[in-house]
Amino acid sequence: MMQVFWGLVILALLLALLTGLVAILSRNSTVEWVMAAQLLGTSGVGILLVLGVSLPLPVLVDVALVLVVLAVLVTAVFTRRQAQRGQHD
């Protein structure tokens, strides 16, 4: 029963991943592109976390946590650059 539950969770996350991919391909604005990339990253991390919990592979949880830290850094750098660009305009 739990395998069916985890399978449905992964299916929902894959649907979010595909939605993010469509969003990236259809956006022109840099901000919208970064937000869609964040959606892709969040979905990927969710899939890794679910797989790490449903399978006895704790290393997937570690990989997911590293990816989350990298995503936070990318978002912080992008936000800072956008703020600096706004000050010069």
Protein backbone atom coordinates (compact mmCIF):
# COMPACT_ATOMS: atom_id res chain seq x y z
CA MET A 1 0.00 0.00 0.00
CA MET A 2 2.81 2.42 0.84
CA GLN A 3 4.51 1.70 -2.49
CA VAL A 4 1.37 2.89 -4.28
CA PHE A 5 1.33 6.04 -2.15
CA TRP A 6 5.00 6.80 -2.88
CA GLY A 7 4.42 6.09 -6.55
CA LEU A 8 1.56 8.61 -6.65
CA VAL A 9 3.68 11.20 -4.86
CA ILE A 10 6.50 10.73 -7.36
CA LEU A 11 4.00 10.95 -10.22
CA ALA A 12 2.68 14.27 -8.87
CA LEU A 13 6.23 15.59 -8.53
CA LEU A 14 7.04 14.51 -12.08
CA LEU A 15 3.96 16.39 -13.26
CA ALA A 16 5.26 19.50 -11.48
CA LEU A 17 8.65 18.90 -13.10
CA LEU A 18 7.09 18.79 -16.55
CA THR A 19 5.09 21.93 -15.79
CA GLY A 20 8.32 23.70 -14.85
CA LEU A 21 9.98 22.53 -18.03
CA VAL A 22 7.12 23.91 -20.13
CA ALA A 23 7.31 27.15 -18.16
CA ILE A 24 11.04 27.50 -18.82
CA LEU A 25 10.59 26.93 -22.53
CA SER A 26 7.76 29.45 -22.84
CA ARG A 27 9.19 32.34 -20.78
CA ASN A 28 11.17 35.29 -22.04
CA SER A 29 11.72 37.23 -18.83
CA THR A 30 14.80 36.38 -16.77
CA VAL A 31 12.85 36.53 -13.52
CA GLU A 32 10.21 34.14 -14.82
CA TRP A 33 12.90 31.83 -16.12
CA VAL A 34 14.63 31.70 -12.73
CA MET A 35 11.33 31.05 -10.96
CA ALA A 36 10.57 28.18 -13.35
CA ALA A 37 14.07 26.80 -12.76
CA GLN A 38 13.41 26.95 -9.02
CA LEU A 39 10.23 24.94 -9.60
CA LEU A 40 12.28 22.35 -11.48
CA GLY A 41 14.83 22.21 -8.69
CA THR A 42 12.21 21.93 -5.99
CA SER A 43 10.46 19.11 -7.84
CA GLY A 44 13.75 17.30 -8.35
CA VAL A 45 14.63 17.62 -4.68
CA GLY A 46 11.18 16.35 -3.75
CA ILE A 47 11.63 13.31 -5.98
CA LEU A 48 15.03 12.60 -4.42
CA LEU A 49 13.60 12.92 -0.91
CA VAL A 50 10.69 10.60 -1.67
CA LEU A 51 13.02 8.05 -3.25
CA GLY A 52 15.41 8.34 -0.31
CA VAL A 53 12.59 7.63 2.13
CA SER A 54 10.72 4.97 0.15
CA LEU A 55 13.91 3.08 -0.76
CA PRO A 56 16.53 2.39 1.88
CA LEU A 57 18.94 4.92 0.32
CA PRO A 58 19.74 7.72 2.80
CA VAL A 59 22.39 9.06 0.41
CA LEU A 60 19.58 10.43 -1.78
CA VAL A 61 18.42 12.58 1.13
CA ASP A 62 21.96 13.94 1.47
CA VAL A 63 22.10 14.75 -2.25
CA ALA A 64 18.72 16.48 -2.02
CA LEU A 65 19.90 18.63 0.89
CA VAL A 66 23.04 19.68 -1.02
CA LEU A 67 20.89 20.64 -4.01
CA VAL A 68 18.63 22.72 -1.75
CA VAL A 69 21.63 24.65 -0.41
CA LEU A 70 22.85 25.29 -3.95
CA ALA A 71 19.39 26.48 -5.00
CA VAL A 72 19.27 28.93 -2.11
CA LEU A 73 22.66 30.33 -3.11
CA VAL A 74 21.62 30.72 -6.75
CA THR A 75 18.45 32.52 -5.73
CA ALA A 76 20.34 34.83 -3.38
CA VAL A 77 22.92 35.73 -6.04
CA PHE A 78 20.24 36.32 -8.66
CA THR A 79 18.22 38.51 -6.31
CA ARG A 80 21.26 40.55 -5.37
CA ARG A 81 22.23 41.09 -9.01
CA GLN A 82 18.68 42.12 -9.90
CA ALA A 83 18.69 44.60 -7.01
CA GLN A 84 22.02 46.05 -8.13
CA ARG A 85 20.80 46.32 -11.70
CA GLY A 86 17.71 48.14 -10.47
CA GLN A 87 19.82 50.69 -8.59
CA HIS A 88 21.82 51.56 -11.72
CA ASP A 89 18.75 52.04 -13.93
